[in-house]
């Protein structure tokens, strides 16, 4: 693999912002992300700086990036720590401390290979190091078959949990999880 998989460094916030803006222009963005390009573009630099330094969605987080030989970010994933009793990003109360995967994106030219697996290996391994985490979950839109197929191959399973999609309650986000080995 010609890509380095590693945690983002705080000083790389502008690269993270550029990658997120590219992700939000992808054709799958409406079913893959909970924000729009315009919303992300309007965020202040402090938001991106916080995200790169390990604060995301009001909780502890770690962003992992895939970096090409030219230094360009070609993919990322964020692992969050959801604490029991807190609200998750859908507004539901978290029942137990757990990990959550959000913000998954790989540029088209790096898809279909080891990049996504490397990002997930890093994110899930980090989650297992946090005290009390026995499962990592994610949500996938019911129409995002490509993403769900990868999650299933990786070892995630459907929990049966669903939540209505923000902005279109007729569509569902399916919860999937992987348990600590």
Protein backbone atom coordinates (compact mmCIF):
# COMPACT_ATOMS: atom_id res chain seq x y z
CA UNK A 1 0.00 0.00 0.00
CA UNK A 2 1.33 3.43 -0.92
CA UNK A 3 -0.57 5.16 1.87
CA UNK A 4 0.37 5.83 5.46
CA UNK A 5 -2.46 5.27 7.97
CA UNK A 6 -2.05 7.28 11.17
CA UNK A 7 -3.76 9.63 13.61
CA UNK A 8 -4.07 13.19 12.38
CA UNK A 9 -1.75 15.78 13.89
CA UNK A 10 -3.25 18.98 15.31
CA UNK A 11 -1.40 21.16 12.80
CA UNK A 12 -3.03 19.29 9.88
CA UNK A 13 -6.50 20.75 10.44
CA UNK A 14 -6.58 22.51 7.06
CA UNK A 15 -5.96 19.19 5.27
CA UNK A 16 -8.80 17.62 7.28
CA UNK A 17 -11.09 20.50 6.31
CA UNK A 18 -10.21 20.11 2.63
CA UNK A 19 -10.88 16.35 2.75
CA UNK A 20 -14.23 16.82 4.50
CA UNK A 21 -15.31 19.41 1.94
CA UNK A 22 -14.37 16.98 -0.84
CA UNK A 23 -16.37 14.24 0.92
CA UNK A 24 -19.42 16.47 1.12
CA UNK A 25 -19.27 16.98 -2.65
CA UNK A 26 -19.21 13.23 -3.32
CA UNK A 27 -22.35 11.81 -4.97
CA UNK A 28 -23.00 9.65 -1.86
CA UNK A 29 -22.81 12.62 0.54
CA UNK A 30 -26.58 13.05 1.02
CA UNK A 31 -26.87 9.54 2.46
CA UNK A 32 -23.41 9.29 4.03
CA UNK A 33 -23.09 12.45 6.13
CA UNK A 34 -25.22 14.43 8.55
CA UNK A 35 -24.10 17.83 7.28
CA UNK A 36 -23.98 19.64 3.97
CA UNK A 37 -21.08 21.16 2.12
CA UNK A 38 -22.44 24.64 2.88
CA UNK A 39 -22.67 23.89 6.62
CA UNK A 40 -19.10 22.59 6.73
CA UNK A 41 -17.78 25.48 4.66
CA UNK A 42 -19.31 27.95 7.13
CA UNK A 43 -17.59 26.40 10.16
CA UNK A 44 -14.83 28.52 11.71
CA UNK A 45 -11.21 27.38 11.64
CA UNK A 46 -11.46 26.69 15.39
CA UNK A 47 -13.91 23.86 14.63
CA UNK A 48 -11.40 22.15 12.34
CA UNK A 49 -8.57 22.79 14.79
CA UNK A 50 -10.58 21.15 17.58
CA UNK A 51 -11.41 18.18 15.37
CA UNK A 52 -7.75 17.66 14.47
CA UNK A 53 -6.69 17.92 18.11
CA UNK A 54 -9.02 15.17 19.31
CA UNK A 55 -12.31 16.89 20.11
CA UNK A 56 -15.22 16.07 17.86
CA UNK A 57 -18.95 16.11 18.45
CA UNK A 58 -18.35 17.23 22.05
CA UNK A 59 -16.51 14.06 23.07
CA UNK A 60 -13.10 12.42 23.00
CA UNK A 61 -12.24 11.41 19.48
CA UNK A 62 -9.41 10.35 17.27
CA UNK A 63 -9.30 11.02 13.55
CA UNK A 64 -7.28 8.63 11.46
CA UNK A 65 -6.09 9.60 8.00
CA UNK A 66 -4.65 7.87 4.97
CA UNK A 67 -1.85 9.97 3.56
CA UNK A 68 -0.52 9.54 0.04
CA UNK A 69 3.15 9.75 -0.91
CA UNK A 70 2.58 13.39 -1.89
CA UNK A 71 1.21 14.26 1.59
CA UNK A 72 -2.38 14.55 0.37
CA UNK A 73 -5.10 13.07 2.60
CA UNK A 74 -6.96 10.42 0.61
CA UNK A 75 -9.21 9.10 3.37
CA UNK A 76 -10.28 9.49 6.95
CA UNK A 77 -12.40 8.01 9.70
CA UNK A 78 -13.23 9.35 13.16
CA UNK A 79 -13.59 7.13 16.22
CA UNK A 80 -15.63 8.74 19.01
CA UNK A 81 -16.06 7.77 22.63
CA UNK A 82 -19.75 7.87 23.50
CA UNK A 83 -20.18 7.96 27.29
CA UNK A 84 -23.13 6.32 29.04
CA UNK A 85 -25.85 8.91 29.68
CA UNK A 86 -24.65 11.37 27.05
CA UNK A 87 -26.54 12.21 23.87
CA UNK A 88 -25.31 10.74 20.62
CA UNK A 89 -25.23 12.64 17.32
CA UNK A 90 -28.84 11.63 16.61
CA UNK A 91 -30.05 13.04 19.95
CA UNK A 92 -30.59 9.66 21.65
CA UNK A 93 -29.24 8.85 25.10
CA UNK A 94 -26.27 6.47 25.03
CA UNK A 95 -26.98 3.42 27.18
CA UNK A 96 -23.35 2.33 27.76
CA UNK A 97 -19.89 3.66 27.11
CA UNK A 98 -18.95 2.63 23.59
CA UNK A 99 -17.02 3.60 20.53
CA UNK A 100 -18.63 5.05 17.43
CA UNK A 101 -17.32 5.39 13.90
CA UNK A 102 -18.28 8.52 11.94
CA UNK A 103 -16.99 10.60 9.06
CA UNK A 104 -15.87 7.69 6.87
CA UNK A 105 -14.56 8.83 3.52
CA UNK A 106 -12.06 7.63 0.92
CA UNK A 107 -11.40 9.56 -2.26
CA UNK A 108 -12.55 7.71 -5.40
CA UNK A 109 -9.00 7.05 -6.65
CA UNK A 110 -8.12 5.22 -3.40
CA UNK A 111 -11.29 3.12 -3.07
CA UNK A 112 -11.49 -0.62 -3.42
CA UNK A 113 -8.17 -1.37 -1.79
CA UNK A 114 -6.48 -1.47 1.54
CA UNK A 115 -7.08 2.18 2.50
CA UNK A 116 -10.51 1.72 4.07
CA UNK A 117 -9.46 -1.46 5.87
CA UNK A 118 -6.37 0.28 7.24
CA UNK A 119 -8.44 3.21 8.47
CA UNK A 120 -10.91 0.89 10.21
CA UNK A 121 -8.11 -1.23 11.70
CA UNK A 122 -6.61 1.90 13.26
CA UNK A 123 -9.91 3.36 14.49
CA UNK A 124 -11.28 0.15 15.99
CA UNK A 125 -7.93 -0.74 17.60
CA UNK A 126 -7.84 2.71 19.22
CA UNK A 127 -11.40 2.29 20.54
CA UNK A 128 -10.42 -0.98 22.24
CA UNK A 129 -7.77 0.92 24.23
CA UNK A 130 -10.39 3.13 25.91
CA UNK A 131 -11.50 1.79 29.31
CA UNK A 132 -15.02 0.39 29.29
CA UNK A 133 -15.47 0.05 25.54
CA UNK A 134 -16.70 -3.41 24.61
CA UNK A 135 -18.36 -2.49 21.32
CA UNK A 136 -17.95 -0.03 18.48
CA UNK A 137 -20.99 1.02 16.51
CA UNK A 138 -21.80 2.95 13.40
CA UNK A 139 -24.87 3.86 11.42
CA UNK A 140 -25.31 3.26 7.72
CA UNK A 141 -28.07 4.66 5.54
CA UNK A 142 -30.41 1.97 4.24
CA UNK A 143 -29.56 2.97 0.64
CA UNK A 144 -25.77 2.94 1.11
CA UNK A 145 -25.17 -0.64 -0.02
CA UNK A 146 -21.50 -0.10 -0.89
CA UNK A 147 -20.65 1.10 2.62
CA UNK A 148 -22.76 -1.56 4.32
CA UNK A 149 -21.09 -4.30 2.28
CA UNK A 150 -17.67 -3.18 3.53
CA UNK A 151 -18.86 -2.95 7.14
CA UNK A 152 -20.22 -6.51 6.93
CA UNK A 153 -16.97 -7.81 5.39
CA UNK A 154 -15.05 -6.05 8.15
CA UNK A 155 -17.06 -7.87 10.83
CA UNK A 156 -19.80 -5.43 11.81
CA UNK A 157 -23.27 -6.91 12.21
CA UNK A 158 -26.69 -5.29 12.19
CA UNK A 159 -28.08 -4.81 15.68
CA UNK A 160 -31.67 -4.28 14.56
CA UNK A 161 -31.50 -0.70 15.82
CA UNK A 162 -32.64 2.01 13.43
CA UNK A 163 -33.09 5.75 13.56
CA UNK A 164 -34.86 8.03 11.07
CA UNK A 165 -32.56 9.97 8.79
CA UNK A 166 -32.29 13.64 9.65
CA UNK A 167 -34.23 15.63 7.09
CA UNK A 168 -36.07 12.59 5.68
CA UNK A 169 -37.72 10.48 8.40
CA UNK A 170 -39.06 8.08 5.74
CA UNK A 171 -35.48 6.81 5.32
CA UNK A 172 -33.59 4.88 8.00
CA UNK A 173 -30.08 4.72 9.36
CA UNK A 174 -29.25 1.16 10.45
CA UNK A 175 -27.09 0.58 13.50
CA UNK A 176 -24.24 -1.90 13.15
CA UNK A 177 -21.71 -3.02 15.74
CA UNK A 178 -18.55 -4.99 16.26
CA UNK A 179 -17.74 -6.51 19.65
CA UNK A 180 -14.36 -6.51 21.36
CA UNK A 181 -12.59 -9.81 20.69
